[in-house]
């Protein structure tokens, strides 16, 4: 069992947060989620930061997999991690590419048709 006396909790949580951010920005979303789920309970004093990271990862996963957006577009928006909340990142994606609102339309993957419909 891990004992808090073995290490500085602030430095350890900062290292975990850095690792999770790194995984997510490299596109390893499932790994980042797994790390978050494993380590977040150990750092209850920094639960706000870990809650924010979880919302960020959920938004990133939604944008990449559910909305099926181009990975480069998503990563360019989500690289602004420190300056925006997760919902603001989703809103920014919609501002950049309003055609993403047409999720479910048969021409979803056809950029010209989706753009013309908007």
N, C-alpha and C. Protein backbone atom coordinates (compact mmCIF):
# COMPACT_ATOMS: atom_id res chain seq x y z
N UNK A 1 0.84 -1.18 0.00
CA UNK A 1 0.00 0.00 0.00
C UNK A 1 0.89 1.24 0.00
N UNK A 2 0.46 2.25 -0.76
CA UNK A 2 1.20 3.50 -0.85
C UNK A 2 1.01 4.29 0.43
N UNK A 3 2.09 4.81 0.95
CA UNK A 3 2.03 5.63 2.16
C UNK A 3 2.39 7.07 1.82
N UNK A 4 1.54 8.02 2.21
CA UNK A 4 1.84 9.43 1.91
C UNK A 4 3.18 9.90 2.45
N UNK A 5 3.65 9.28 3.50
CA UNK A 5 4.93 9.71 4.07
C UNK A 5 6.11 9.40 3.16
N UNK A 6 5.91 8.59 2.14
CA UNK A 6 6.99 8.21 1.24
C UNK A 6 7.35 9.32 0.24
N UNK A 7 6.45 10.25 0.01
CA UNK A 7 6.71 11.28 -0.99
C UNK A 7 5.90 12.53 -0.67
N UNK A 8 6.26 13.62 -1.32
CA UNK A 8 5.54 14.89 -1.19
C UNK A 8 4.28 14.81 -2.04
N UNK A 9 3.13 14.94 -1.41
CA UNK A 9 1.86 14.81 -2.14
C UNK A 9 1.70 15.87 -3.22
N UNK A 10 2.14 17.09 -2.97
CA UNK A 10 2.01 18.14 -3.97
C UNK A 10 2.83 17.83 -5.22
N UNK A 11 4.06 17.40 -5.03
CA UNK A 11 4.91 17.06 -6.17
C UNK A 11 4.39 15.83 -6.89
N UNK A 12 3.93 14.86 -6.14
CA UNK A 12 3.41 13.64 -6.76
C UNK A 12 2.15 13.93 -7.57
N UNK A 13 1.24 14.72 -7.02
CA UNK A 13 0.01 15.02 -7.76
C UNK A 13 0.31 15.87 -8.99
N UNK A 14 1.26 16.79 -8.88
CA UNK A 14 1.66 17.59 -10.05
C UNK A 14 2.25 16.69 -11.13
N UNK A 15 3.03 15.70 -10.75
CA UNK A 15 3.61 14.76 -11.73
C UNK A 15 2.52 13.93 -12.39
N UNK A 16 1.55 13.49 -11.62
CA UNK A 16 0.44 12.70 -12.18
C UNK A 16 -0.38 13.55 -13.15
N UNK A 17 -0.69 14.78 -12.75
CA UNK A 17 -1.44 15.68 -13.62
C UNK A 17 -0.67 15.93 -14.92
N UNK A 18 0.62 16.16 -14.82
CA UNK A 18 1.45 16.37 -16.00
C UNK A 18 1.44 15.15 -16.91
N UNK A 19 1.52 13.99 -16.33
CA UNK A 19 1.49 12.74 -17.10
C UNK A 19 0.15 12.57 -17.81
N UNK A 20 -0.95 12.84 -17.12
CA UNK A 20 -2.28 12.71 -17.72
C UNK A 20 -2.43 13.69 -18.88
N UNK A 21 -1.99 14.93 -18.68
CA UNK A 21 -2.06 15.93 -19.76
C UNK A 21 -1.23 15.48 -20.96
N UNK A 22 -0.05 14.97 -20.68
CA UNK A 22 0.82 14.52 -21.76
C UNK A 22 0.18 13.39 -22.56
N UNK A 23 -0.37 12.41 -21.86
CA UNK A 23 -1.06 11.32 -22.56
C UNK A 23 -2.20 11.85 -23.42
N UNK A 24 -2.99 12.77 -22.86
CA UNK A 24 -4.14 13.26 -23.61
C UNK A 24 -3.72 14.05 -24.84
N UNK A 25 -2.69 14.87 -24.72
CA UNK A 25 -2.25 15.67 -25.86
C UNK A 25 -1.56 14.83 -26.93
N UNK A 26 -1.10 13.64 -26.55
CA UNK A 26 -0.52 12.73 -27.53
C UNK A 26 -1.58 11.85 -28.17
N UNK A 27 -2.83 12.02 -27.75
CA UNK A 27 -3.93 11.25 -28.31
C UNK A 27 -4.20 9.94 -27.61
N UNK A 28 -3.56 9.68 -26.50
CA UNK A 28 -3.76 8.45 -25.74
C UNK A 28 -4.83 8.68 -24.68
N UNK A 29 -6.04 8.91 -25.14
CA UNK A 29 -7.13 9.31 -24.25
C UNK A 29 -7.50 8.21 -23.27
N UNK A 30 -7.57 6.98 -23.73
CA UNK A 30 -7.94 5.88 -22.84
C UNK A 30 -6.89 5.70 -21.72
N UNK A 31 -5.63 5.86 -22.07
CA UNK A 31 -4.57 5.77 -21.06
C UNK A 31 -4.69 6.90 -20.06
N UNK A 32 -4.96 8.10 -20.55
CA UNK A 32 -5.13 9.25 -19.66
C UNK A 32 -6.31 9.03 -18.72
N UNK A 33 -7.41 8.51 -19.25
CA UNK A 33 -8.58 8.23 -18.41
C UNK A 33 -8.27 7.18 -17.36
N UNK A 34 -7.55 6.15 -17.75
CA UNK A 34 -7.18 5.09 -16.82
C UNK A 34 -6.29 5.63 -15.70
N UNK A 35 -5.30 6.45 -16.07
CA UNK A 35 -4.43 7.06 -15.06
C UNK A 35 -5.23 7.94 -14.12
N UNK A 36 -6.13 8.72 -14.68
CA UNK A 36 -6.96 9.58 -13.85
C UNK A 36 -7.76 8.75 -12.85
N UNK A 37 -8.42 7.72 -13.34
CA UNK A 37 -9.27 6.90 -12.47
C UNK A 37 -8.46 6.19 -11.39
N UNK A 38 -7.22 5.86 -11.70
CA UNK A 38 -6.36 5.17 -10.74
C UNK A 38 -5.82 6.12 -9.67
N UNK A 39 -5.36 7.29 -10.10
CA UNK A 39 -4.63 8.17 -9.18
C UNK A 39 -5.47 9.26 -8.52
N UNK A 40 -6.55 9.69 -9.13
CA UNK A 40 -7.35 10.80 -8.56
C UNK A 40 -7.79 10.54 -7.12
N UNK A 41 -8.24 9.32 -6.79
CA UNK A 41 -8.66 9.09 -5.40
C UNK A 41 -7.53 9.25 -4.36
N UNK A 42 -6.29 9.14 -4.80
CA UNK A 42 -5.16 9.27 -3.87
C UNK A 42 -4.87 10.72 -3.50
N UNK A 43 -5.41 11.66 -4.27
CA UNK A 43 -5.10 13.07 -4.07
C UNK A 43 -6.38 13.86 -3.81
N UNK A 44 -7.07 13.52 -2.75
CA UNK A 44 -8.36 14.15 -2.45
C UNK A 44 -8.24 15.65 -2.18
N UNK A 45 -7.08 16.11 -1.73
CA UNK A 45 -6.90 17.54 -1.46
C UNK A 45 -6.87 18.35 -2.75
N UNK A 46 -6.61 17.70 -3.87
CA UNK A 46 -6.58 18.39 -5.16
C UNK A 46 -7.72 17.91 -6.04
N UNK A 47 -8.84 17.58 -5.42
CA UNK A 47 -9.96 17.02 -6.17
C UNK A 47 -10.50 17.98 -7.22
N UNK A 48 -10.45 19.30 -6.98
CA UNK A 48 -10.93 20.25 -7.98
C UNK A 48 -10.14 20.14 -9.27
N UNK A 49 -8.83 20.04 -9.13
CA UNK A 49 -7.98 19.93 -10.32
C UNK A 49 -8.23 18.60 -11.05
N UNK A 50 -8.37 17.53 -10.30
CA UNK A 50 -8.64 16.24 -10.93
C UNK A 50 -10.04 16.18 -11.54
N UNK A 51 -11.01 16.86 -10.93
CA UNK A 51 -12.35 16.93 -11.52
C UNK A 51 -12.31 17.69 -12.84
N UNK A 52 -11.53 18.79 -12.88
CA UNK A 52 -11.39 19.55 -14.11
C UNK A 52 -10.75 18.70 -15.20
N UNK A 53 -9.71 17.98 -14.83
CA UNK A 53 -9.04 17.12 -15.81
C UNK A 53 -10.00 16.05 -16.33
N UNK A 54 -10.82 15.50 -15.46
CA UNK A 54 -11.77 14.47 -15.90
C UNK A 54 -12.76 15.06 -16.90
N UNK A 55 -13.28 16.27 -16.62
CA UNK A 55 -14.20 16.91 -17.56
C UNK A 55 -13.50 17.18 -18.89
N UNK A 56 -12.25 17.59 -18.81
CA UNK A 56 -11.46 17.83 -20.01
C UNK A 56 -11.31 16.55 -20.82
N UNK A 57 -10.97 15.45 -20.16
CA UNK A 57 -10.79 14.17 -20.85
C UNK A 57 -12.10 13.69 -21.45
N UNK A 58 -13.19 13.87 -20.73
CA UNK A 58 -14.50 13.48 -21.26
C UNK A 58 -14.85 14.30 -22.50
N UNK A 59 -14.55 15.61 -22.46
CA UNK A 59 -14.81 16.47 -23.62
C UNK A 59 -13.93 16.07 -24.79
N UNK A 60 -12.68 15.75 -24.51
CA UNK A 60 -11.75 15.32 -25.55
C UNK A 60 -12.21 14.01 -26.18
N UNK A 61 -12.62 13.08 -25.35
CA UNK A 61 -13.10 11.80 -25.85
C UNK A 61 -14.37 11.99 -26.68
N UNK A 62 -15.28 12.82 -26.22
CA UNK A 62 -16.52 13.10 -26.95
C UNK A 62 -16.21 13.70 -28.32
N UNK A 63 -15.31 14.68 -28.35
CA UNK A 63 -14.96 15.35 -29.61
C UNK A 63 -14.31 14.39 -30.60
N UNK A 64 -13.44 13.55 -30.09
CA UNK A 64 -12.68 12.67 -30.96
C UNK A 64 -13.48 11.46 -31.43
N UNK A 65 -14.18 10.81 -30.51
CA UNK A 65 -14.85 9.55 -30.85
C UNK A 65 -16.33 9.72 -31.19
N UNK A 66 -17.07 10.43 -30.37
CA UNK A 66 -18.50 10.58 -30.62
C UNK A 66 -18.78 11.49 -31.80
N UNK A 67 -18.09 12.64 -31.83
CA UNK A 67 -18.30 13.58 -32.93
C UNK A 67 -17.48 13.22 -34.15
N UNK A 68 -16.55 12.31 -34.01
CA UNK A 68 -15.70 11.82 -35.10
C UNK A 68 -14.98 12.97 -35.82
N UNK A 69 -14.47 13.91 -35.04
CA UNK A 69 -13.76 15.03 -35.63
C UNK A 69 -12.32 14.65 -35.93
N UNK A 70 -11.75 15.38 -36.85
CA UNK A 70 -10.36 15.19 -37.23
C UNK A 70 -9.47 15.38 -36.00
N UNK A 71 -8.59 14.44 -35.78
CA UNK A 71 -7.72 14.46 -34.59
C UNK A 71 -6.87 15.73 -34.53
N UNK A 72 -6.39 16.20 -35.67
CA UNK A 72 -5.54 17.40 -35.68
C UNK A 72 -6.33 18.64 -35.27
N UNK A 73 -7.57 18.74 -35.73
CA UNK A 73 -8.42 19.85 -35.34
C UNK A 73 -8.68 19.82 -33.83
N UNK A 74 -9.06 18.65 -33.34
CA UNK A 74 -9.36 18.51 -31.92
C UNK A 74 -8.14 18.83 -31.07
N UNK A 75 -6.99 18.29 -31.45
CA UNK A 75 -5.78 18.51 -30.64
C UNK A 75 -5.34 19.98 -30.70
N UNK A 76 -5.56 20.67 -31.82
CA UNK A 76 -5.18 22.09 -31.89
C UNK A 76 -6.04 22.91 -30.93
N UNK A 77 -7.30 22.56 -30.81
CA UNK A 77 -8.19 23.28 -29.88
C UNK A 77 -7.89 22.88 -28.44
N UNK A 78 -7.73 21.58 -28.20
CA UNK A 78 -7.53 21.10 -26.83
C UNK A 78 -6.13 21.36 -26.30
N UNK A 79 -5.21 21.79 -27.15
CA UNK A 79 -3.89 22.14 -26.65
C UNK A 79 -3.94 23.43 -25.85
N UNK A 80 -5.08 24.11 -25.88
CA UNK A 80 -5.29 25.32 -25.09
C UNK A 80 -5.76 24.95 -23.68
N UNK A 81 -5.43 23.77 -23.24
CA UNK A 81 -5.91 23.18 -21.98
C UNK A 81 -5.91 24.13 -20.80
N UNK A 82 -4.84 24.85 -20.57
CA UNK A 82 -4.72 25.69 -19.38
C UNK A 82 -5.59 26.93 -19.42
N UNK A 83 -6.03 27.33 -20.60
CA UNK A 83 -6.72 28.61 -20.70
C UNK A 83 -8.22 28.50 -20.90
N UNK A 84 -8.76 27.30 -20.93
CA UNK A 84 -10.19 27.17 -21.22
C UNK A 84 -10.81 26.00 -20.47
N UNK A 85 -12.09 26.17 -20.15
CA UNK A 85 -12.80 25.07 -19.52
C UNK A 85 -13.20 24.07 -20.61
N UNK A 86 -13.49 22.83 -20.25
CA UNK A 86 -13.85 21.83 -21.26
C UNK A 86 -15.03 22.24 -22.13
N UNK A 87 -16.08 22.82 -21.54
CA UNK A 87 -17.22 23.22 -22.35
C UNK A 87 -16.85 24.34 -23.31
N UNK A 88 -15.95 25.23 -22.89
CA UNK A 88 -15.49 26.28 -23.79
C UNK A 88 -14.71 25.71 -24.97
N UNK A 89 -14.00 24.62 -24.74
CA UNK A 89 -13.28 23.96 -25.84
C UNK A 89 -14.27 23.38 -26.85
N UNK A 90 -15.34 22.77 -26.37
CA UNK A 90 -16.37 22.24 -27.27
C UNK A 90 -17.02 23.39 -28.04
N UNK A 91 -17.33 24.49 -27.36
CA UNK A 91 -17.92 25.66 -28.03
C UNK A 91 -16.98 26.20 -29.10
N UNK A 92 -15.68 26.22 -28.78
CA UNK A 92 -14.70 26.71 -29.74
C UNK A 92 -14.65 25.81 -30.98
N UNK A 93 -14.75 24.51 -30.77
CA UNK A 93 -14.81 23.59 -31.91
C UNK A 93 -16.01 23.90 -32.79
N UNK A 94 -17.14 24.19 -32.17
CA UNK A 94 -18.36 24.50 -32.94
C UNK A 94 -18.19 25.82 -33.69
N UNK A 95 -17.51 26.80 -33.08
CA UNK A 95 -17.26 28.06 -33.78
C UNK A 95 -16.36 27.85 -34.99
N UNK A 96 -15.34 27.03 -34.83
CA UNK A 96 -14.40 26.78 -35.92
C UNK A 96 -15.07 26.00 -37.05
N UNK A 97 -15.82 24.97 -36.67
CA UNK A 97 -16.45 24.08 -37.66
C UNK A 97 -17.93 23.90 -37.33
N UNK A 98 -18.79 24.86 -37.66
CA UNK A 98 -20.20 24.77 -37.30
C UNK A 98 -20.89 23.53 -37.87
N UNK A 99 -20.33 22.97 -38.91
CA UNK A 99 -20.94 21.78 -39.51
C UNK A 99 -20.93 20.57 -38.57
N UNK A 100 -20.15 20.63 -37.49
CA UNK A 100 -20.13 19.50 -36.56
C UNK A 100 -21.46 19.34 -35.85
N UNK A 101 -22.31 20.36 -35.90
CA UNK A 101 -23.63 20.26 -35.28
C UNK A 101 -24.54 19.31 -36.04
N UNK A 102 -24.13 18.92 -37.22
CA UNK A 102 -24.97 18.05 -38.06
C UNK A 102 -24.71 16.58 -37.79
N UNK A 103 -24.24 16.28 -36.60
CA UNK A 103 -23.96 14.89 -36.23
C UNK A 103 -25.18 14.02 -36.51
N UNK A 104 -24.96 12.93 -37.20
CA UNK A 104 -26.03 12.00 -37.51
C UNK A 104 -26.58 12.15 -38.92
N UNK A 105 -26.27 13.25 -39.56
CA UNK A 105 -26.73 13.41 -40.95
C UNK A 105 -25.95 12.46 -41.85
N UNK A 106 -26.61 12.00 -42.91
CA UNK A 106 -25.95 11.01 -43.77
C UNK A 106 -24.71 11.56 -44.46
N UNK A 107 -24.63 12.86 -44.61
CA UNK A 107 -23.46 13.44 -45.26
C UNK A 107 -22.46 13.98 -44.24
N UNK A 108 -22.53 13.48 -43.03
CA UNK A 108 -21.68 13.95 -41.94
C UNK A 108 -20.21 14.02 -42.32
N UNK A 109 -19.69 12.98 -42.93
CA UNK A 109 -18.25 12.92 -43.21
C UNK A 109 -17.88 13.69 -44.49
N UNK A 110 -18.86 14.14 -45.25
CA UNK A 110 -18.59 14.90 -46.45
C UNK A 110 -18.53 16.38 -46.08
N UNK A 111 -17.32 16.92 -45.97
CA UNK A 111 -17.16 18.29 -45.50
C UNK A 111 -17.86 19.32 -46.37
N UNK A 112 -17.87 19.12 -47.68
CA UNK A 112 -18.52 20.09 -48.58
C UNK A 112 -20.01 20.11 -48.35
N UNK A 113 -20.64 18.96 -48.27
CA UNK A 113 -22.08 18.91 -48.06
C UNK A 113 -22.46 19.48 -46.70
N UNK A 114 -21.71 19.13 -45.67
CA UNK A 114 -22.01 19.64 -44.34
C UNK A 114 -21.85 21.15 -44.28
N UNK A 115 -20.80 21.66 -44.90
CA UNK A 115 -20.57 23.12 -44.90
C UNK A 115 -21.68 23.83 -45.66
N UNK A 116 -22.11 23.26 -46.77
CA UNK A 116 -23.18 23.86 -47.56
C UNK A 116 -24.50 23.87 -46.81
N UNK A 117 -24.73 22.88 -46.00
CA UNK A 117 -25.98 22.80 -45.24
C UNK A 117 -26.04 23.85 -44.14
N UNK A 118 -24.89 24.32 -43.72
CA UNK A 118 -24.84 25.34 -42.66
C UNK A 118 -24.97 26.69 -43.26
